[in-house]
Amino acid sequence: MSNTIREFLQKKIQKSIKKIFKYDIINIEKDYDSELIHKYRIAIRRLRSLLEEFINEIKIDLDIIDDLRSVFRKAGKIRDYDILIENLEKYHNEIKELKVDIDLEPLIAELKQEFEKRRKKQIKNFEEFLESKKYKNIVEELEILKENIEFKNFYISDSDSFSVAYLVASKFFRLISHSYWKVNIYDIKALHHLRRQIKRTRYYMEILKKFYKKNNEYKNILERLKNLQDLAGALVDIYILKDELEKFQKKYLPDIYEENDMQLKLQKFGFWLQEKEDQIFQQWNQEKEDFFLHKDFYLSVILENCDIQNIKAKEIED
C-alpha cells in the first residue's frame, strides 16, 4: 500500500477544497470581478478532476461530483459572457492597432451593452443559487470531505514508479487516440471535443507532476498541451462570437436588404473575425500535427521519467 501517494492525494484534495472556500462570491453582484469567478471555477474544476480521476481509490458520495459539476455550470453561464466581452474588446483593440479603416465604436458599444445585460441576469440567478439550501448543503458536504478523506482499493505502489507512469501514460494514450489529430478540416464539434480531452489530460498530468524528475521534458509536454488548449479555445471563442453577431443582426437588424451604417460595420467585423479564425486555425493545425508527430517521444518521457522513490516527504505539502 502506498503512503506517499495516498498522503499526497489527501493533501491535494484538502488544498483544493480550501481554495474553493477562499473565494468570497456570495455578493458578486455588488462588486463584480470576472477574475474571481474564473478562479472560483478553476478551483472547482481541479477538485472535480481529482475526485473523478481517482474515483476508484477514494471513498466518496458520487453526488458530490454531480453537485460540483452543477455549481461549475451555473458559474459558467456568467463566465460565458465574461469571455464574450473580453474577446469583443480584445479584437476591437487589435483592429484599432492595425489601423483598419473601420469605425466599430458604436457597434462594439451596443454589443457590449447587450452582453452585459445578459450577464447581469446570470449573476442574479447565480446569487439566488448561492443563497439556496442546495448550495449550503454542498458547502457542508465539502467541509465533511475535507476533514474526512478515506481511501479504498488503493493499489498505487510507492515501490514501483511504473504504477504511476502507467496511469499517466494510459490517459495520454487515450488523448492521442482521438480521431481529430489526423484531420485538418475545420470541424468545431470535433475540435471542441479534442480540446476537452487535452484539458483533462493536462490537468491529470499536472496533478501527478510531483512524481516526475525535475527536468524540462515532462514540463515541455504540459506547456505544449496548454498551447494547444489555448489555440483551440481561441477558435471556439471566435466561433461563439460570430454566432452572437448573427443573432444580434437577426434581432436588431432584420432587414438584410437595407444597407445601413450599422449593418455594414457588422459585416466588416464579421469578415475580419473570419480572417482571424482562418489564421488561428492554420496555427492550430501546425501545432497539432507537430505534437502528434512527437507523440511516441512524449509517451516515452511519461513512462521513463517517473521517480516516486526520490520524492521528499515535505514536497507532499507543497
Protein backbone atom coordinates (compact mmCIF):
# COMPACT_ATOMS: atom_id res chain seq x y z
CA MET A 1 0.00 0.00 0.00
CA SER A 2 1.19 3.48 -0.77
CA ASN A 3 1.61 6.03 1.98
CA THR A 4 3.28 8.77 -0.05
CA ILE A 5 0.78 8.95 -2.90
CA ARG A 6 -2.21 8.46 -0.66
CA GLU A 7 -0.96 11.27 1.58
CA PHE A 8 -0.27 13.42 -1.46
CA LEU A 9 -3.81 12.98 -2.81
CA GLN A 10 -5.31 13.68 0.60
CA LYS A 11 -3.39 16.96 0.90
CA LYS A 12 -4.25 17.87 -2.69
CA ILE A 13 -7.99 17.36 -2.12
CA GLN A 14 -7.93 19.35 1.12
CA LYS A 15 -5.99 22.17 -0.53
CA SER A 16 -8.45 22.26 -3.45
CA ILE A 17 -11.46 22.49 -1.12
CA LYS A 18 -9.80 25.28 0.88
CA LYS A 19 -9.18 27.16 -2.35
CA ILE A 20 -12.88 26.96 -3.28
CA PHE A 21 -13.83 28.35 0.14
CA LYS A 22 -11.20 31.07 -0.24
CA TYR A 23 -13.15 32.90 -2.93
CA ASP A 24 -15.90 35.11 -1.49
CA ILE A 25 -18.58 35.02 -4.19
CA ILE A 26 -21.70 35.49 -2.08
CA ASN A 27 -22.10 39.18 -3.02
CA ILE A 28 -20.66 39.10 -6.52
CA GLU A 29 -23.32 41.40 -8.00
CA LYS A 30 -22.41 44.28 -5.69
CA ASP A 31 -18.76 44.43 -6.75
CA TYR A 32 -18.44 42.14 -9.75
CA ASP A 33 -15.00 40.71 -10.54
CA SER A 34 -14.72 38.46 -13.59
CA GLU A 35 -11.34 37.14 -12.42
CA LEU A 36 -12.91 35.97 -9.15
CA ILE A 37 -15.48 33.85 -11.00
CA HIS A 38 -12.72 32.50 -13.26
CA LYS A 39 -10.53 31.43 -10.32
CA TYR A 40 -13.52 30.00 -8.47
CA ARG A 41 -14.39 27.81 -11.47
CA ILE A 42 -10.77 26.68 -11.85
CA ALA A 43 -10.71 25.62 -8.18
CA ILE A 44 -13.92 23.61 -8.67
CA ARG A 45 -12.64 22.06 -11.89
CA ARG A 46 -9.36 20.96 -10.28
CA LEU A 47 -11.19 19.34 -7.36
CA ARG A 48 -13.54 17.58 -9.78
CA SER A 49 -10.55 16.31 -11.75
CA LEU A 50 -9.02 14.83 -8.61
CA LEU A 51 -12.22 13.15 -7.48
CA GLU A 52 -13.16 11.86 -10.94
CA GLU A 53 -9.72 10.54 -11.84
CA PHE A 54 -9.25 8.74 -8.53
CA ILE A 55 -12.85 7.69 -8.02
CA ASN A 56 -11.82 4.02 -7.67
CA GLU A 57 -9.36 4.86 -4.87
CA ILE A 58 -11.32 7.42 -2.82
CA LYS A 59 -14.44 6.68 -0.79
CA ILE A 60 -16.83 9.37 -1.89
CA ASP A 61 -20.51 10.02 -2.39
CA LEU A 62 -20.93 10.39 -6.16
CA ASP A 63 -23.47 13.17 -5.54
CA ILE A 64 -20.58 15.46 -4.58
CA ILE A 65 -19.13 15.24 -8.11
CA ASP A 66 -22.56 15.93 -9.63
CA ASP A 67 -23.04 18.88 -7.25
CA LEU A 68 -19.64 20.33 -8.18
CA ARG A 69 -20.49 19.96 -11.87
CA SER A 70 -23.78 21.78 -11.26
CA VAL A 71 -22.10 24.72 -9.49
CA PHE A 72 -19.42 24.84 -12.19
CA ARG A 73 -22.03 25.08 -14.96
CA LYS A 74 -24.08 27.74 -13.17
CA ALA A 75 -20.98 29.91 -12.68
CA GLY A 76 -20.06 29.09 -16.28
CA LYS A 77 -23.14 30.90 -17.57
CA ILE A 78 -21.64 34.09 -16.15
CA ARG A 79 -18.16 33.22 -17.41
CA ASP A 80 -19.50 32.73 -20.95
CA TYR A 81 -20.44 36.43 -21.11
CA ASP A 82 -17.15 37.45 -19.48
CA ILE A 83 -15.34 35.72 -22.34
CA LEU A 84 -17.61 37.27 -24.97
CA ILE A 85 -16.99 40.76 -23.59
CA GLU A 86 -13.24 40.14 -23.22
CA ASN A 87 -12.95 38.91 -26.81
CA LEU A 88 -15.11 41.73 -28.12
CA GLU A 89 -12.76 44.27 -26.53
CA LYS A 90 -9.61 42.33 -27.44
CA TYR A 91 -10.41 42.05 -31.15
CA HIS A 92 -11.69 45.62 -31.29
CA ASN A 93 -8.37 46.83 -29.84
CA GLU A 94 -6.49 44.65 -32.30
CA ILE A 95 -8.39 46.20 -35.20
CA LYS A 96 -7.63 49.70 -33.90
CA GLU A 97 -3.92 48.88 -33.52
CA LEU A 98 -3.83 47.62 -37.11
CA LYS A 99 -5.36 50.97 -38.14
CA VAL A 100 -8.05 49.18 -40.14
CA ASP A 101 -10.31 51.72 -41.87
CA ILE A 102 -13.46 50.82 -39.95
CA ASP A 103 -15.06 52.65 -37.02
CA LEU A 104 -16.59 49.93 -34.85
CA GLU A 105 -17.13 52.01 -31.71
CA PRO A 106 -20.95 52.27 -31.99
CA LEU A 107 -21.34 48.57 -32.83
CA ILE A 108 -18.98 47.39 -30.06
CA ALA A 109 -20.76 49.62 -27.55
CA GLU A 110 -24.15 48.10 -28.45
CA LEU A 111 -22.86 44.53 -28.40
CA LYS A 112 -21.12 45.07 -25.08
CA GLN A 113 -24.27 46.57 -23.58
CA GLU A 114 -26.27 43.56 -24.77
CA PHE A 115 -23.79 41.05 -23.33
CA GLU A 116 -23.53 42.94 -20.03
CA LYS A 117 -27.32 42.93 -19.71
CA ARG A 118 -27.43 39.16 -20.19
CA ARG A 119 -24.51 38.65 -17.81
CA LYS A 120 -26.25 40.69 -15.13
CA LYS A 121 -29.23 38.35 -15.37
CA GLN A 122 -26.98 35.30 -14.95
CA ILE A 123 -25.22 36.92 -11.97
CA LYS A 124 -28.58 37.48 -10.29
CA ASN A 125 -29.59 33.85 -10.93
CA PHE A 126 -26.29 32.62 -9.52
CA GLU A 127 -26.59 34.81 -6.42
CA GLU A 128 -30.02 33.30 -5.75
CA PHE A 129 -28.49 29.84 -6.07
CA LEU A 130 -25.71 30.75 -3.60
CA GLU A 131 -28.38 31.68 -1.05
CA SER A 132 -30.26 28.42 -1.57
CA LYS A 133 -30.38 25.45 0.77
CA LYS A 134 -28.92 23.33 -2.05
CA TYR A 135 -25.69 25.36 -2.15
CA LYS A 136 -25.40 25.42 1.64
CA ASN A 137 -25.66 21.60 1.62
CA ILE A 138 -22.90 21.40 -0.99
CA VAL A 139 -20.64 23.55 1.21
CA GLU A 140 -21.37 21.28 4.17
CA GLU A 141 -20.56 18.19 2.08
CA LEU A 142 -17.22 19.67 1.09
CA GLU A 143 -16.42 20.57 4.70
CA ILE A 144 -17.08 16.97 5.73
CA LEU A 145 -14.96 15.63 2.87
CA LYS A 146 -12.10 17.98 3.75
CA GLU A 147 -12.00 16.66 7.32
CA ASN A 148 -12.61 13.00 6.48
CA ILE A 149 -10.96 11.66 3.32
CA GLU A 150 -10.99 7.86 3.17
CA PHE A 151 -9.47 5.51 0.61
CA LYS A 152 -10.42 2.13 -0.83
CA ASN A 153 -8.69 -0.40 -3.09
CA PHE A 154 -5.56 1.73 -3.15
CA TYR A 155 -3.17 -0.19 -5.39
CA ILE A 156 -0.68 2.53 -6.44
CA SER A 157 2.64 1.39 -5.01
CA ASP A 158 5.48 3.59 -3.73
CA SER A 159 8.00 0.93 -4.67
CA ASP A 160 7.02 0.89 -8.33
CA SER A 161 7.24 4.13 -10.32
CA PHE A 162 5.66 2.35 -13.27
CA SER A 163 2.34 2.17 -11.41
CA VAL A 164 2.01 5.97 -11.60
CA ALA A 165 3.67 6.24 -15.00
CA TYR A 166 1.15 3.74 -16.38
CA LEU A 167 -1.76 5.84 -15.08
CA VAL A 168 -0.42 8.95 -16.84
CA ALA A 169 0.51 7.01 -20.00
CA SER A 170 -2.99 5.50 -20.19
CA LYS A 171 -4.54 8.95 -20.03
CA PHE A 172 -2.08 10.30 -22.61
CA PHE A 173 -2.63 7.34 -24.95
CA ARG A 174 -6.38 7.89 -24.81
CA LEU A 175 -5.77 11.52 -25.82
CA ILE A 176 -3.59 10.73 -28.83
CA SER A 177 -6.11 8.09 -29.95
CA HIS A 178 -8.63 10.83 -30.72
CA SER A 179 -9.52 10.75 -34.43
CA TYR A 180 -9.26 14.54 -34.93
CA TRP A 181 -5.46 14.53 -34.63
CA LYS A 182 -5.29 13.24 -38.22
CA VAL A 183 -7.98 15.54 -39.64
CA ASN A 184 -7.12 19.02 -40.91
CA ILE A 185 -10.65 20.03 -41.91
CA TYR A 186 -12.31 22.65 -39.69
CA ASP A 187 -14.88 20.85 -37.54
CA ILE A 188 -15.85 22.90 -34.48
CA LYS A 189 -17.54 20.00 -32.65
CA ALA A 190 -14.58 17.65 -33.11
CA LEU A 191 -12.17 20.45 -32.22
CA HIS A 192 -14.08 21.28 -29.04
CA HIS A 193 -14.19 17.60 -28.05
CA LEU A 194 -10.45 17.21 -28.58
CA ARG A 195 -9.84 20.41 -26.61
CA ARG A 196 -11.75 18.95 -23.65
CA GLN A 197 -9.61 15.80 -23.85
CA ILE A 198 -6.44 17.92 -23.96
CA LYS A 199 -7.61 19.89 -20.93
CA ARG A 200 -8.44 16.76 -18.90
CA THR A 201 -5.11 15.11 -19.79
CA ARG A 202 -3.16 18.24 -18.92
CA TYR A 203 -4.88 18.59 -15.54
CA TYR A 204 -4.25 14.92 -14.76
CA MET A 205 -0.58 15.22 -15.70
CA GLU A 206 -0.28 18.35 -13.56
CA ILE A 207 -1.75 16.54 -10.56
CA LEU A 208 0.98 13.90 -10.76
CA LYS A 209 3.89 16.07 -11.96
CA LYS A 210 5.32 16.00 -8.42
CA PHE A 211 6.33 12.38 -9.06
CA TYR A 212 8.35 13.19 -12.18
CA LYS A 213 12.01 14.12 -12.45
CA LYS A 214 12.64 17.84 -12.34
CA ASN A 215 13.73 18.22 -15.95
CA ASN A 216 12.21 20.08 -18.87
CA GLU A 217 10.89 17.06 -20.79
CA TYR A 218 7.71 16.43 -18.78
CA LYS A 219 7.22 20.19 -18.33
CA ASN A 220 7.52 20.65 -22.10
CA ILE A 221 4.60 18.24 -22.69
CA LEU A 222 2.44 20.25 -20.29
CA GLU A 223 3.39 23.52 -22.00
CA ARG A 224 2.60 22.12 -25.43
CA LEU A 225 -0.76 20.82 -24.23
CA LYS A 226 -1.51 24.25 -22.73
CA ASN A 227 -0.65 25.91 -26.06
CA LEU A 228 -2.93 23.54 -27.98
CA GLN A 229 -5.70 24.10 -25.46
CA ASP A 230 -5.36 27.89 -25.82
CA LEU A 231 -5.39 27.78 -29.63
CA ALA A 232 -8.44 25.52 -29.69
CA GLY A 233 -10.08 27.75 -27.09
CA ALA A 234 -9.47 30.83 -29.25
CA LEU A 235 -11.17 29.10 -32.19
CA VAL A 236 -14.17 28.10 -30.08
CA ASP A 237 -14.42 31.65 -28.70
CA ILE A 238 -14.38 33.22 -32.18
CA TYR A 239 -16.98 30.73 -33.36
CA ILE A 240 -19.26 31.71 -30.47
CA LEU A 241 -18.66 35.44 -31.02
CA LYS A 242 -19.51 35.11 -34.72
CA ASP A 243 -22.68 33.24 -33.78
CA GLU A 244 -23.62 36.06 -31.39
CA LEU A 245 -23.08 38.60 -34.19
CA GLU A 246 -25.52 36.68 -36.38
CA LYS A 247 -28.11 36.59 -33.59
CA PHE A 248 -27.62 40.30 -32.98
CA GLN A 249 -28.17 41.01 -36.66
CA LYS A 250 -31.36 38.95 -36.80
CA LYS A 251 -32.74 40.60 -33.67
CA TYR A 252 -31.81 44.23 -34.26
CA LEU A 253 -31.03 44.46 -37.97
CA PRO A 254 -33.55 42.09 -39.55
CA ASP A 255 -33.73 43.67 -42.98
CA ILE A 256 -30.59 42.37 -44.68
CA TYR A 257 -31.53 44.11 -47.94
CA GLU A 258 -31.36 47.56 -46.38
CA GLU A 259 -27.70 48.52 -46.12
CA ASN A 260 -27.46 50.90 -43.18
CA ASP A 261 -24.27 52.01 -41.42
CA MET A 262 -24.59 49.55 -38.54
CA GLN A 263 -25.22 46.68 -40.94
CA LEU A 264 -22.05 47.45 -42.87
CA LYS A 265 -19.99 47.67 -39.68
CA LEU A 266 -21.36 44.32 -38.55
CA GLN A 267 -20.45 42.73 -41.88
CA LYS A 268 -16.92 44.16 -41.84
CA PHE A 269 -16.37 43.00 -38.28
CA GLY A 270 -17.64 39.53 -39.25
CA PHE A 271 -15.27 39.36 -42.24
CA TRP A 272 -12.34 40.43 -40.06
CA LEU A 273 -13.18 37.75 -37.46
CA GLN A 274 -13.36 35.15 -40.23
CA GLU A 275 -9.84 36.06 -41.37
CA LYS A 276 -8.61 35.89 -37.78
CA GLU A 277 -10.25 32.49 -37.35
CA ASP A 278 -8.53 31.20 -40.51
CA GLN A 279 -5.13 32.37 -39.23
CA ILE A 280 -5.57 30.73 -35.83
CA PHE A 281 -6.84 27.51 -37.44
CA GLN A 282 -3.69 27.28 -39.58
CA GLN A 283 -1.56 27.77 -36.47
CA TRP A 284 -3.64 25.16 -34.60
CA ASN A 285 -3.17 22.62 -37.40
CA GLN A 286 0.60 23.15 -37.46
CA GLU A 287 0.91 22.77 -33.68
CA LYS A 288 -1.44 19.79 -33.68
CA GLU A 289 0.47 17.99 -36.43
CA ASP A 290 3.83 18.64 -34.77
CA PHE A 291 2.59 17.44 -31.38
CA PHE A 292 1.16 14.25 -32.88
CA LEU A 293 4.41 13.68 -34.76
CA HIS A 294 6.28 13.61 -31.42
CA LYS A 295 3.68 11.54 -29.56
CA ASP A 296 5.92 8.47 -29.22
CA PHE A 297 8.71 10.53 -27.67
CA TYR A 298 6.27 12.15 -25.24
CA LEU A 299 4.94 8.73 -24.29
CA SER A 300 8.48 7.53 -23.59
CA VAL A 301 9.09 10.58 -21.38
CA ILE A 302 5.97 9.74 -19.38
CA LEU A 303 6.96 6.11 -18.95
CA GLU A 304 10.66 6.64 -18.21
CA ASN A 305 10.79 9.80 -16.08
CA CYS A 306 8.55 8.88 -13.16
CA ASP A 307 10.59 8.90 -9.95
CA ILE A 308 8.40 8.21 -6.91
CA GLN A 309 11.15 6.83 -4.71
CA ASN A 310 13.11 10.07 -4.53
CA ILE A 311 10.25 12.39 -3.59
CA LYS A 312 10.82 14.09 -0.26
CA ALA A 313 8.12 13.99 2.40
CA LYS A 314 7.98 17.80 2.65
CA GLU A 315 7.18 18.02 -1.06
CA ILE A 316 3.79 16.45 -0.36
CA GLU A 317 2.83 19.61 1.48
CA ASP A 318 3.65 21.91 -1.46
